[in-house]
Amino acid sequence: MTSAKSPSAASSSPVSPSPRQPVHSHFAEGFGTVTVTPVDPAADAGLIHGWVTQERARFWGMGGASRELVREIYEDVDRRTTHHAFIVALEGAPAGLFQTYECEADRVSECYDVQPGDVGLHLLIAPGEGAPRPGFSAALLTAFLSFVFSDPAARRLVAEPDARNAKAIARLERTGFVLGPEVVLPEIDLPEIYLPAKPARLAFLGAPAAPSAGSR
Protein backbone atom coordinates (compact mmCIF):
# COMPACT_ATOMS: atom_id res chain seq x y z
CA MET A 1 0.00 0.00 0.00
CA THR A 2 1.43 3.37 -1.01
CA SER A 3 1.96 5.99 1.71
CA ALA A 4 2.80 9.62 1.16
CA LYS A 5 5.71 10.70 3.33
CA SER A 6 4.44 13.96 4.83
CA PRO A 7 0.73 14.18 5.73
CA SER A 8 -1.07 17.47 5.23
CA ALA A 9 -3.81 18.95 7.38
CA ALA A 10 -7.15 17.18 6.96
CA SER A 11 -9.74 18.97 4.85
CA SER A 12 -13.26 19.49 6.18
CA SER A 13 -14.78 20.83 2.96
CA PRO A 14 -17.71 18.87 1.51
CA VAL A 15 -17.04 16.55 -1.40
CA SER A 16 -19.44 15.97 -4.28
CA PRO A 17 -20.18 12.46 -5.57
CA SER A 18 -17.66 11.03 -8.00
CA PRO A 19 -18.44 11.78 -11.67
CA ARG A 20 -16.52 8.70 -12.76
CA GLN A 21 -18.49 5.93 -14.39
CA PRO A 22 -18.26 2.15 -13.93
CA VAL A 23 -15.87 0.36 -16.25
CA HIS A 24 -17.26 -3.11 -15.52
CA SER A 25 -20.50 -4.69 -14.37
CA HIS A 26 -21.05 -8.26 -13.15
CA PHE A 27 -24.17 -9.97 -11.85
CA ALA A 28 -23.49 -11.93 -8.65
CA GLU A 29 -26.11 -14.64 -8.11
CA GLY A 30 -27.92 -14.10 -4.83
CA PHE A 31 -26.49 -10.62 -4.31
CA GLY A 32 -27.13 -8.41 -7.32
CA THR A 33 -25.12 -6.27 -9.69
CA VAL A 34 -21.51 -5.51 -8.81
CA THR A 35 -19.85 -2.55 -10.53
CA VAL A 36 -16.20 -1.53 -10.73
CA THR A 37 -15.44 2.20 -10.91
CA PRO A 38 -12.02 3.94 -10.91
CA VAL A 39 -11.33 5.80 -7.67
CA ASP A 40 -11.87 9.56 -7.84
CA PRO A 41 -9.32 10.81 -5.26
CA ALA A 42 -11.18 14.02 -4.39
CA ALA A 43 -14.66 12.53 -4.23
CA ASP A 44 -13.76 9.18 -2.67
CA ALA A 45 -11.14 10.23 -0.09
CA GLY A 46 -13.67 10.47 2.74
CA LEU A 47 -15.15 7.07 1.97
CA ILE A 48 -11.76 5.38 1.73
CA HIS A 49 -10.51 7.15 4.85
CA GLY A 50 -13.44 5.77 6.81
CA TRP A 51 -12.52 2.25 5.72
CA VAL A 52 -8.73 2.21 6.03
CA THR A 53 -8.56 3.82 9.47
CA GLN A 54 -10.66 1.13 11.17
CA GLU A 55 -8.91 -1.48 13.31
CA ARG A 56 -10.20 -4.24 11.02
CA ALA A 57 -8.14 -2.69 8.19
CA ARG A 58 -4.87 -2.53 10.16
CA PHE A 59 -3.00 -4.62 7.60
CA TRP A 60 -3.76 -1.97 4.96
CA GLY A 61 -1.15 0.18 6.69
CA MET A 62 -3.04 3.50 6.73
CA GLY A 63 -4.57 3.44 10.19
CA GLY A 64 -3.13 6.81 11.21
CA ALA A 65 -3.68 8.58 7.88
CA SER A 66 -5.65 11.81 7.69
CA ARG A 67 -8.35 12.26 5.08
CA GLU A 68 -6.08 14.66 3.21
CA LEU A 69 -3.24 12.13 3.19
CA VAL A 70 -5.60 9.49 1.81
CA ARG A 71 -6.53 11.89 -0.99
CA GLU A 72 -2.86 12.57 -1.74
CA ILE A 73 -2.05 8.86 -1.84
CA TYR A 74 -4.81 8.12 -4.34
CA GLU A 75 -3.94 11.16 -6.41
CA ASP A 76 -0.48 9.60 -6.71
CA VAL A 77 -2.01 6.27 -7.73
CA ASP A 78 -4.27 8.08 -10.21
CA ARG A 79 -1.27 9.66 -11.93
CA ARG A 80 0.45 6.35 -12.49
CA THR A 81 0.00 4.18 -15.56
CA THR A 82 1.14 1.04 -13.73
CA HIS A 83 -1.08 1.21 -10.64
CA HIS A 84 -4.88 1.54 -10.48
CA ALA A 85 -7.52 1.76 -7.74
CA PHE A 86 -11.24 0.97 -7.95
CA ILE A 87 -14.35 1.21 -5.81
CA VAL A 88 -16.41 -1.97 -6.05
CA ALA A 89 -20.12 -1.41 -5.38
CA LEU A 90 -23.03 -3.77 -4.91
CA GLU A 91 -26.33 -2.43 -6.24
CA GLY A 92 -24.80 1.06 -6.12
CA ALA A 93 -23.58 0.85 -2.51
CA PRO A 94 -19.77 1.03 -2.10
CA ALA A 95 -18.56 -2.34 -0.82
CA GLY A 96 -14.80 -2.51 -1.27
CA LEU A 97 -11.54 -1.00 -2.44
CA PHE A 98 -9.55 -3.02 -4.96
CA GLN A 99 -6.20 -2.13 -6.48
CA THR A 100 -4.20 -3.59 -9.34
CA TYR A 101 -0.65 -2.97 -10.46
CA GLU A 102 1.95 -4.21 -12.91
CA CYS A 103 4.12 -6.55 -10.87
CA GLU A 104 7.29 -5.64 -12.74
CA ALA A 105 6.80 -2.00 -11.66
CA ASP A 106 6.31 -2.84 -7.97
CA ARG A 107 8.55 -3.92 -5.11
CA VAL A 108 7.03 -7.41 -5.24
CA SER A 109 9.19 -7.95 -8.34
CA GLU A 110 12.17 -8.27 -6.01
CA CYS A 111 10.58 -11.26 -4.29
CA TYR A 112 9.71 -13.66 -7.11
CA ASP A 113 10.23 -14.31 -10.82
CA VAL A 114 7.69 -12.05 -12.54
CA GLN A 115 6.02 -13.59 -15.60
CA PRO A 116 4.49 -11.75 -18.59
CA GLY A 117 0.88 -10.89 -17.81
CA ASP A 118 1.28 -10.88 -14.02
CA VAL A 119 -1.11 -8.41 -12.36
CA GLY A 120 -0.78 -7.55 -8.68
CA LEU A 121 -3.85 -7.29 -6.46
CA HIS A 122 -4.73 -5.55 -3.20
CA LEU A 123 -8.25 -5.79 -1.80
CA LEU A 124 -10.13 -4.32 1.14
CA ILE A 125 -13.71 -5.38 1.79
CA ALA A 126 -15.76 -2.61 3.39
CA PRO A 127 -17.44 -3.20 6.76
CA GLY A 128 -20.90 -4.64 6.25
CA GLU A 129 -24.17 -3.39 7.68
CA GLY A 130 -26.47 -5.74 9.54
CA ALA A 131 -25.98 -9.49 9.77
CA PRO A 132 -23.08 -11.09 7.87
CA ARG A 133 -23.99 -12.41 4.42
CA PRO A 134 -22.22 -15.69 3.66
CA GLY A 135 -20.45 -15.51 0.32
CA PHE A 136 -20.50 -11.71 0.18
CA SER A 137 -16.73 -11.22 0.01
CA ALA A 138 -16.36 -14.05 -2.49
CA ALA A 139 -19.03 -12.48 -4.71
CA LEU A 140 -17.18 -9.16 -4.78
CA LEU A 141 -13.82 -10.79 -5.45
CA THR A 142 -15.25 -13.00 -8.20
CA ALA A 143 -16.77 -9.94 -9.88
CA PHE A 144 -13.46 -8.11 -9.73
CA LEU A 145 -11.59 -11.11 -11.12
CA SER A 146 -13.96 -11.13 -14.09
CA PHE A 147 -12.99 -7.49 -14.68
CA VAL A 148 -9.24 -8.11 -14.47
CA PHE A 149 -9.32 -11.18 -16.69
CA SER A 150 -11.50 -9.45 -19.29
CA ASP A 151 -8.16 -8.02 -20.46
CA PRO A 152 -6.48 -10.79 -22.48
CA ALA A 153 -3.08 -9.40 -21.49
CA ALA A 154 -3.76 -10.37 -17.86
CA ARG A 155 -2.56 -13.95 -17.49
CA ARG A 156 -2.13 -14.30 -13.74
CA LEU A 157 -3.12 -12.49 -10.56
CA VAL A 158 -0.53 -12.12 -7.83
CA ALA A 159 -1.62 -11.22 -4.30
CA GLU A 160 0.74 -10.46 -1.42
CA PRO A 161 -1.31 -10.09 1.77
CA ASP A 162 0.46 -9.53 5.05
CA ALA A 163 1.71 -12.93 6.22
CA ARG A 164 -0.05 -12.33 9.56
CA ASN A 165 -3.43 -11.70 7.93
CA ALA A 166 -4.84 -15.22 8.15
CA LYS A 167 -8.35 -14.09 7.18
CA ALA A 168 -7.21 -12.56 3.88
CA ILE A 169 -5.05 -15.56 3.05
CA ALA A 170 -7.93 -17.96 3.70
CA ARG A 171 -10.23 -15.84 1.52
CA LEU A 172 -7.78 -16.04 -1.37
CA GLU A 173 -7.47 -19.82 -0.98
CA ARG A 174 -11.26 -20.20 -1.08
CA THR A 175 -11.34 -18.19 -4.30
CA GLY A 176 -8.86 -20.55 -5.96
CA PHE A 177 -5.53 -18.84 -5.37
CA VAL A 178 -2.54 -21.14 -4.89
CA LEU A 179 -0.32 -20.11 -2.01
CA GLY A 180 3.32 -19.38 -2.69
CA PRO A 181 6.20 -18.69 -0.32
CA GLU A 182 6.40 -16.20 2.49
CA VAL A 183 8.60 -13.26 1.51
CA VAL A 184 9.59 -9.86 2.85
CA LEU A 185 8.67 -6.95 0.59
CA PRO A 186 11.59 -4.51 0.82
CA GLU A 187 11.39 -1.08 2.40
CA ILE A 188 10.93 1.86 0.02
CA ASP A 189 12.18 5.23 1.24
CA LEU A 190 11.84 7.92 -1.42
CA PRO A 191 11.29 11.68 -1.03
CA GLU A 192 7.57 11.35 -1.78
CA ILE A 193 6.82 7.76 -0.69
CA TYR A 194 7.70 5.59 2.29
CA LEU A 195 6.76 1.93 2.61
CA PRO A 196 8.11 -0.14 5.49
CA ALA A 197 9.32 -3.67 4.89
CA LYS A 198 6.37 -6.07 4.95
CA PRO A 199 6.18 -9.81 5.64
CA ALA A 200 3.90 -11.17 2.92
CA ARG A 201 2.47 -14.44 1.66
CA LEU A 202 2.42 -14.69 -2.11
CA ALA A 203 -0.65 -16.20 -3.77
CA PHE A 204 -1.30 -16.86 -7.46
CA LEU A 205 -4.37 -17.34 -9.64
CA GLY A 206 -4.11 -18.08 -13.35
CA ALA A 207 -6.54 -16.68 -15.90
CA PRO A 208 -9.44 -18.98 -16.83
CA ALA A 209 -8.77 -21.13 -19.86
CA ALA A 210 -10.22 -19.68 -23.05
CA PRO A 211 -13.12 -21.74 -24.44
CA SER A 212 -12.19 -23.95 -27.35
CA ALA A 213 -13.46 -23.15 -30.83
CA GLY A 214 -15.96 -26.01 -30.69
CA SER A 215 -17.41 -25.23 -27.27
CA ARG A 216 -20.81 -23.61 -26.83
C-alpha atoms as a PDB file:
ATOM      1  CA  MET A   1       0.000   0.000   0.000  1.00  0.00           C
ATOM      2  CA  THR A   2       1.432   3.375  -1.008  1.00  0.00           C
ATOM      3  CA  SER A   3       1.963   5.992   1.707  1.00  0.00           C
ATOM      4  CA  ALA A   4       2.803   9.621   1.159  1.00  0.00           C
ATOM      5  CA  LYS A   5       5.707  10.701   3.328  1.00  0.00           C
ATOM      6  CA  SER A   6       4.440  13.962   4.828  1.00  0.00           C
ATOM      7  CA  PRO A   7       0.730  14.181   5.727  1.00  0.00           C
ATOM      8  CA  SER A   8      -1.073  17.471   5.227  1.00  0.00           C
ATOM      9  CA  ALA A   9      -3.812  18.947   7.383  1.00  0.00           C
ATOM     10  CA  ALA A  10      -7.149  17.182   6.959  1.00  0.00           C
ATOM     11  CA  SER A  11      -9.744  18.973   4.854  1.00  0.00           C
ATOM     12  CA  SER A  12     -13.257  19.491   6.183  1.00  0.00           C
ATOM     13  CA  SER A  13     -14.777  20.829   2.957  1.00  0.00           C
ATOM     14  CA  PRO A  14     -17.710  18.874   1.513  1.00  0.00           C
ATOM     15  CA  VAL A  15     -17.044  16.550  -1.402  1.00  0.00           C
ATOM     16  CA  SER A  16     -19.445  15.971  -4.283  1.00  0.00           C
ATOM     17  CA  PRO A  17     -20.176  12.455  -5.569  1.00  0.00           C
ATOM     18  CA  SER A  18     -17.658  11.033  -7.999  1.00  0.00           C
ATOM     19  CA  PRO A  19     -18.442  11.782 -11.666  1.00  0.00           C
ATOM     20  CA  ARG A  20     -16.521   8.705 -12.759  1.00  0.00           C
ATOM     21  CA  GLN A  21     -18.493   5.933 -14.392  1.00  0.00           C
ATOM     22  CA  PRO A  22     -18.257   2.152 -13.926  1.00  0.00           C
ATOM     23  CA  VAL A  23     -15.867   0.355 -16.248  1.00  0.00           C
ATOM     24  CA  HIS A  24     -17.259  -3.110 -15.523  1.00  0.00           C
ATOM     25  CA  SER A  25     -20.503  -4.692 -14.375  1.00  0.00           C
ATOM     26  CA  HIS A  26     -21.055  -8.258 -13.154  1.00  0.00           C
ATOM     27  CA  PHE A  27     -24.174  -9.975 -11.847  1.00  0.00           C
ATOM     28  CA  ALA A  28     -23.493 -11.933  -8.647  1.00  0.00           C
ATOM     29  CA  GLU A  29     -26.108 -14.635  -8.113  1.00  0.00           C
ATOM     30  CA  GLY A  30     -27.919 -14.104  -4.830  1.00  0.00           C
ATOM     31  CA  PHE A  31     -26.485 -10.621  -4.306  1.00  0.00           C
ATOM     32  CA  GLY A  32     -27.129  -8.410  -7.322  1.00  0.00           C
ATOM     33  CA  THR A  33     -25.116  -6.265  -9.693  1.00  0.00           C
ATOM     34  CA  VAL A  34     -21.509  -5.510  -8.812  1.00  0.00           C
ATOM     35  CA  THR A  35     -19.854  -2.545 -10.528  1.00  0.00           C
ATOM     36  CA  VAL A  36     -16.202  -1.533 -10.733  1.00  0.00           C
ATOM     37  CA  THR A  37     -15.435   2.205 -10.907  1.00  0.00           C
ATOM     38  CA  PRO A  38     -12.020   3.938 -10.906  1.00  0.00           C
ATOM     39  CA  VAL A  39     -11.330   5.804  -7.669  1.00  0.00           C
ATOM     40  CA  ASP A  40     -11.871   9.561  -7.837  1.00  0.00           C
ATOM     41  CA  PRO A  41      -9.323  10.808  -5.256  1.00  0.00           C
ATOM     42  CA  ALA A  42     -11.180  14.019  -4.388  1.00  0.00           C
ATOM     43  CA  ALA A  43     -14.660  12.529  -4.227  1.00  0.00           C
ATOM     44  CA  ASP A  44     -13.755   9.175  -2.671  1.00  0.00           C
ATOM     45  CA  ALA A  45     -11.145  10.227  -0.093  1.00  0.00           C
ATOM     46  CA  GLY A  46     -13.668  10.472   2.735  1.00  0.00           C
ATOM     47  CA  LEU A  47     -15.155   7.066   1.967  1.00  0.00           C
ATOM     48  CA  ILE A  48     -11.760   5.382   1.725  1.00  0.00           C
ATOM     49  CA  HIS A  49     -10.505   7.152   4.850  1.00  0.00           C
ATOM     50  CA  GLY A  50     -13.440   5.768   6.806  1.00  0.00           C
ATOM     51  CA  TRP A  51     -12.518   2.246   5.718  1.00  0.00           C
ATOM     52  CA  VAL A  52      -8.730   2.212   6.025  1.00  0.00           C
ATOM     53  CA  THR A  53      -8.565   3.816   9.472  1.00  0.00           C
ATOM     54  CA  GLN A  54     -10.662   1.131  11.174  1.00  0.00           C
ATOM     55  CA  GLU A  55      -8.912  -1.479  13.314  1.00  0.00           C
ATOM     56  CA  ARG A  56     -10.195  -4.243  11.024  1.00  0.00           C
ATOM     57  CA  ALA A  57      -8.137  -2.695   8.195  1.00  0.00           C
ATOM     58  CA  ARG A  58      -4.872  -2.529  10.163  1.00  0.00           C
ATOM     59  CA  PHE A  59      -3.002  -4.619   7.597  1.00  0.00           C
ATOM     60  CA  TRP A  60      -3.762  -1.970   4.956  1.00  0.00           C
ATOM     61  CA  GLY A  61      -1.154   0.178   6.690  1.00  0.00           C
ATOM     62  CA  MET A  62      -3.036   3.498   6.729  1.00  0.00           C
ATOM     63  CA  GLY A  63      -4.571   3.442  10.192  1.00  0.00           C
ATOM     64  CA  GLY A  64      -3.133   6.807  11.207  1.00  0.00           C
ATOM     65  CA  ALA A  65      -3.681   8.580   7.884  1.00  0.00           C
ATOM     66  CA  SER A  66      -5.655  11.812   7.694  1.00  0.00           C
ATOM     67  CA  ARG A  67      -8.351  12.256   5.076  1.00  0.00           C
ATOM     68  CA  GLU A  68      -6.078  14.662   3.208  1.00  0.00           C
ATOM     69  CA  LEU A  69      -3.243  12.133   3.193  1.00  0.00           C
ATOM     70  CA  VAL A  70      -5.596   9.489   1.814  1.00  0.00           C
ATOM     71  CA  ARG A  71      -6.534  11.889  -0.987  1.00  0.00           C
ATOM     72  CA  GLU A  72      -2.863  12.570  -1.740  1.00  0.00           C
ATOM     73  CA  ILE A  73      -2.052   8.862  -1.838  1.00  0.00           C
ATOM     74  CA  TYR A  74      -4.812   8.124  -4.335  1.00  0.00           C
ATOM     75  CA  GLU A  75      -3.939  11.159  -6.410  1.00  0.00           C
ATOM     76  CA  ASP A  76      -0.485   9.603  -6.713  1.00  0.00           C
ATOM     77  CA  VAL A  77      -2.011   6.268  -7.734  1.00  0.00           C
ATOM     78  CA  ASP A  78      -4.273   8.078 -10.212  1.00  0.00           C
ATOM     79  CA  ARG A  79      -1.271   9.663 -11.929  1.00  0.00           C
ATOM     80  CA  ARG A  80       0.446   6.350 -12.488  1.00  0.00           C
ATOM     81  CA  THR A  81      -0.001   4.183 -15.556  1.00  0.00           C
ATOM     82  CA  THR A  82       1.143   1.040 -13.733  1.00  0.00           C
ATOM     83  CA  HIS A  83      -1.083   1.207 -10.635  1.00  0.00           C
ATOM     84  CA  HIS A  84      -4.883   1.541 -10.483  1.00  0.00           C
ATOM     85  CA  ALA A  85      -7.522   1.763  -7.740  1.00  0.00           C
ATOM     86  CA  PHE A  86     -11.236   0.966  -7.953  1.00  0.00           C
ATOM     87  CA  ILE A  87     -14.351   1.208  -5.812  1.00  0.00           C
ATOM     88  CA  VAL A  88     -16.413  -1.968  -6.053  1.00  0.00           C
ATOM     89  CA  ALA A  89     -20.115  -1.409  -5.382  1.00  0.00           C
ATOM     90  CA  LEU A  90     -23.035  -3.771  -4.906  1.00  0.00           C
ATOM     91  CA  GLU A  91     -26.327  -2.426  -6.236  1.00  0.00           C
ATOM     92  CA  GLY A  92     -24.802   1.056  -6.119  1.00  0.00           C
ATOM     93  CA  ALA A  93     -23.582   0.846  -2.508  1.00  0.00           C
ATOM     94  CA  PRO A  94     -19.767   1.029  -2.098  1.00  0.00           C
ATOM     95  CA  ALA A  95     -18.561  -2.344  -0.822  1.00  0.00           C
ATOM     96  CA  GLY A  96     -14.805  -2.511  -1.273  1.00  0.00           C
ATOM     97  CA  LEU A  97     -11.538  -0.999  -2.440  1.00  0.00           C
ATOM     98  CA  PHE A  98      -9.548  -3.022  -4.956  1.00  0.00           C
ATOM     99  CA  GLN A  99      -6.196  -2.130  -6.481  1.00  0.00           C
ATOM    100  CA  THR A 100      -4.195  -3.587  -9.345  1.00  0.00           C
ATOM    101  CA  TYR A 101      -0.649  -2.971 -10.459  1.00  0.00           C
ATOM    102  CA  GLU A 102       1.951  -4.207 -12.909  1.00  0.00           C
ATOM    103  CA  CYS A 103       4.120  -6.550 -10.872  1.00  0.00           C
ATOM    104  CA  GLU A 104       7.287  -5.643 -12.741  1.00  0.00           C
ATOM    105  CA  ALA A 105       6.796  -2.003 -11.658  1.00  0.00           C
ATOM    106  CA  ASP A 106       6.314  -2.838  -7.974  1.00  0.00           C
ATOM    107  CA  ARG A 107       8.548  -3.924  -5.105  1.00  0.00           C
ATOM    108  CA  VAL A 108       7.031  -7.409  -5.244  1.00  0.00           C
ATOM    109  CA  SER A 109       9.188  -7.947  -8.342  1.00  0.00           C
ATOM    110  CA  GLU A 110      12.174  -8.271  -6.009  1.00  0.00           C
ATOM    111  CA  CYS A 111      10.585 -11.259  -4.286  1.00  0.00           C
ATOM    112  CA  TYR A 112       9.714 -13.663  -7.107  1.00  0.00           C
ATOM    113  CA  ASP A 113      10.232 -14.311 -10.822  1.00  0.00           C
ATOM    114  CA  VAL A 114       7.690 -12.050 -12.545  1.00  0.00           C
ATOM    115  CA  GLN A 115       6.025 -13.593 -15.604  1.00  0.00           C
ATOM    116  CA  PRO A 116       4.494 -11.751 -18.586  1.00  0.00           C
ATOM    117  CA  GLY A 117       0.883 -10.889 -17.811  1.00  0.00           C
ATOM    118  CA  ASP A 118       1.284 -10.883 -14.021  1.00  0.00           C
ATOM    119  CA  VAL A 119      -1.108  -8.414 -12.364  1.00  0.00           C
ATOM    120  CA  GLY A 120      -0.783  -7.546  -8.682  1.00  0.00           C
ATOM    121  CA  LEU A 121      -3.846  -7.293  -6.461  1.00  0.00           C
ATOM    122  CA  HIS A 122      -4.732  -5.547  -3.195  1.00  0.00           C
ATOM    123  CA  LEU A 123      -8.246  -5.786  -1.802  1.00  0.00           C
ATOM    124  CA  LEU A 124     -10.129  -4.323   1.135  1.00  0.00           C
ATOM    125  CA  ILE A 125     -13.712  -5.381   1.789  1.00  0.00           C
ATOM    126  CA  ALA A 126     -15.763  -2.610   3.387  1.00  0.00           C
ATOM    127  CA  PRO A 127     -17.440  -3.201   6.758  1.00  0.00           C
ATOM    128  CA  GLY A 128     -20.898  -4.637   6.252  1.00  0.00           C
ATOM    129  CA  GLU A 129     -24.174  -3.393   7.679  1.00  0.00           C
ATOM    130  CA  GLY A 130     -26.474  -5.737   9.536  1.00  0.00           C
ATOM    131  CA  ALA A 131     -25.985  -9.494   9.773  1.00  0.00           C
ATOM    132  CA  PRO A 132     -23.082 -11.089   7.872  1.00  0.00           C
ATOM    133  CA  ARG A 133     -23.992 -12.408   4.421  1.00  0.00           C
ATOM    134  CA  PRO A 134     -22.219 -15.695   3.662  1.00  0.00           C
ATOM    135  CA  GLY A 135     -20.448 -15.513   0.324  1.00  0.00           C
ATOM    136  CA  PHE A 136     -20.502 -11.705   0.176  1.00  0.00           C
ATOM    137  CA  SER A 137     -16.728 -11.217   0.007  1.00  0.00           C
ATOM    138  CA  ALA A 138     -16.364 -14.046  -2.493  1.00  0.00           C
ATOM    139  CA  ALA A 139     -19.033 -12.483  -4.715  1.00  0.00           C
ATOM    140  CA  LEU A 140     -17.177  -9.160  -4.778  1.00  0.00           C
ATOM    141  CA  LEU A 141     -13.825 -10.787  -5.447  1.00  0.00           C
ATOM    142  CA  THR A 142     -15.249 -12.996  -8.202  1.00  0.00           C
ATOM    143  CA  ALA A 143     -16.768  -9.937  -9.878  1.00  0.00           C
ATOM    144  CA  PHE A 144     -13.458  -8.108  -9.731  1.00  0.00           C
ATOM    145  CA  LEU A 145     -11.588 -11.113 -11.122  1.00  0.00           C
ATOM    146  CA  SER A 146     -13.964 -11.127 -14.085  1.00  0.00           C
ATOM    147  CA  PHE A 147     -12.988  -7.494 -14.680  1.00  0.00           C
ATOM    148  CA  VAL A 148      -9.239  -8.105 -14.474  1.00  0.00           C
ATOM    149  CA  PHE A 149      -9.321 -11.179 -16.693  1.00  0.00           C
ATOM    150  CA  SER A 150     -11.497  -9.451 -19.294  1.00  0.00           C
ATOM    151  CA  ASP A 151      -8.160  -8.020 -20.462  1.00  0.00           C
ATOM    152  CA  PRO A 152      -6.475 -10.795 -22.479  1.00  0.00           C
ATOM    153  CA  ALA A 153      -3.077  -9.400 -21.487  1.00  0.00           C
ATOM    154  CA  ALA A 154      -3.763 -10.373 -17.862  1.00  0.00           C
ATOM    155  CA  ARG A 155      -2.558 -13.951 -17.492  1.00  0.00           C
ATOM    156  CA  ARG A 156      -2.133 -14.305 -13.742  1.00  0.00           C
ATOM    157  CA  LEU A 157      -3.117 -12.492 -10.562  1.00  0.00           C
ATOM    158  CA  VAL A 158      -0.527 -12.117  -7.826  1.00  0.00           C
ATOM    159  CA  ALA A 159      -1.616 -11.222  -4.298  1.00  0.00           C
ATOM    160  CA  GLU A 160       0.743 -10.461  -1.422  1.00  0.00           C
ATOM    161  CA  PRO A 161      -1.314 -10.090   1.769  1.00  0.00           C
ATOM    162  CA  ASP A 162       0.461  -9.531   5.051  1.00  0.00           C
ATOM    163  CA  ALA A 163       1.710 -12.929   6.215  1.00  0.00           C
ATOM    164  CA  ARG A 164      -0.046 -12.331   9.559  1.00  0.00           C
ATOM    165  CA  ASN A 165      -3.433 -11.703   7.926  1.00  0.00           C
ATOM    166  CA  ALA A 166      -4.839 -15.224   8.151  1.00  0.00           C
ATOM    167  CA  LYS A 167      -8.349 -14.092   7.179  1.00  0.00           C
ATOM    168  CA  ALA A 168      -7.215 -12.562   3.878  1.00  0.00           C
ATOM    169  CA  ILE A 169      -5.049 -15.565   3.047  1.00  0.00           C
ATOM    170  CA  ALA A 170      -7.929 -17.963   3.700  1.00  0.00           C
ATOM    171  CA  ARG A 171     -10.231 -15.838   1.516  1.00  0.00           C
ATOM    172  CA  LEU A 172      -7.777 -16.043  -1.366  1.00  0.00           C
ATOM    173  CA  GLU A 173      -7.470 -19.818  -0.984  1.00  0.00           C
ATOM    174  CA  ARG A 174     -11.264 -20.200  -1.076  1.00  0.00           C
ATOM    175  CA  THR A 175     -11.340 -18.191  -4.299  1.00  0.00           C
ATOM    176  CA  GLY A 176      -8.860 -20.549  -5.957  1.00  0.00           C
ATOM    177  CA  PHE A 177      -5.532 -18.838  -5.371  1.00  0.00           C
ATOM    178  CA  VAL A 178      -2.539 -21.139  -4.894  1.00  0.00           C
ATOM    179  CA  LEU A 179      -0.324 -20.107  -2.012  1.00  0.00           C
ATOM    180  CA  GLY A 180       3.318 -19.382  -2.688  1.00  0.00           C
ATOM    181  CA  PRO A 181       6.201 -18.692  -0.324  1.00  0.00           C
ATOM    182  CA  GLU A 182       6.398 -16.195   2.493  1.00  0.00           C
ATOM    183  CA  VAL A 183       8.599 -13.257   1.508  1.00  0.00           C
ATOM    184  CA  VAL A 184       9.595  -9.858   2.847  1.00  0.00           C
ATOM    185  CA  LEU A 185       8.670  -6.952   0.591  1.00  0.00           C
ATOM    186  CA  PRO A 186      11.593  -4.511   0.817  1.00  0.00           C
ATOM    187  CA  GLU A 187      11.388  -1.081   2.395  1.00  0.00           C
ATOM    188  CA  ILE A 188      10.930   1.855   0.021  1.00  0.00           C
ATOM    189  CA  ASP A 189      12.185   5.229   1.239  1.00  0.00           C
ATOM    190  CA  LEU A 190      11.842   7.922  -1.420  1.00  0.00           C
ATOM    191  CA  PRO A 191      11.294  11.682  -1.035  1.00  0.00           C
ATOM    192  CA  GLU A 192       7.573  11.348  -1.779  1.00  0.00           C
ATOM    193  CA  ILE A 193       6.825   7.763  -0.692  1.00  0.00           C
ATOM    194  CA  TYR A 194       7.696   5.594   2.288  1.00  0.00           C
ATOM    195  CA  LEU A 195       6.762   1.933   2.614  1.00  0.00           C
ATOM    196  CA  PRO A 196       8.112  -0.140   5.489  1.00  0.00           C
ATOM    197  CA  ALA A 197       9.320  -3.673   4.886  1.00  0.00           C
ATOM    198  CA  LYS A 198       6.366  -6.070   4.947  1.00  0.00           C
ATOM    199  CA  PRO A 199       6.180  -9.815   5.638  1.00  0.00           C
ATOM    200  CA  ALA A 200       3.899 -11.172   2.922  1.00  0.00           C
ATOM    201  CA  ARG A 201       2.474 -14.442   1.662  1.00  0.00           C
ATOM    202  CA  LEU A 202       2.417 -14.686  -2.108  1.00  0.00           C
ATOM    203  CA  ALA A 203      -0.654 -16.198  -3.769  1.00  0.00           C
ATOM    204  CA  PHE A 204      -1.299 -16.860  -7.455  1.00  0.00           C
ATOM    205  CA  LEU A 205      -4.374 -17.339  -9.641  1.00  0.00           C
ATOM    206  CA  GLY A 206      -4.106 -18.078 -13.352  1.00  0.00           C
ATOM    207  CA  ALA A 207      -6.538 -16.684 -15.903  1.00  0.00           C
ATOM    208  CA  PRO A 208      -9.438 -18.980 -16.826  1.00  0.00           C
ATOM    209  CA  ALA A 209      -8.775 -21.129 -19.858  1.00  0.00           C
ATOM    210  CA  ALA A 210     -10.220 -19.676 -23.048  1.00  0.00           C
ATOM    211  CA  PRO A 211     -13.125 -21.740 -24.444  1.00  0.00           C
ATOM    212  CA  SER A 212     -12.192 -23.949 -27.354  1.00  0.00           C
ATOM    213  CA  ALA A 213     -13.460 -23.149 -30.831  1.00  0.00           C
ATOM    214  CA  GLY A 214     -15.965 -26.006 -30.693  1.00  0.00           C
ATOM    215  CA  SER A 215     -17.414 -25.233 -27.266  1.00  0.00           C
ATOM    216  CA  ARG A 216     -20.806 -23.608 -26.826  1.00  0.00           C
END
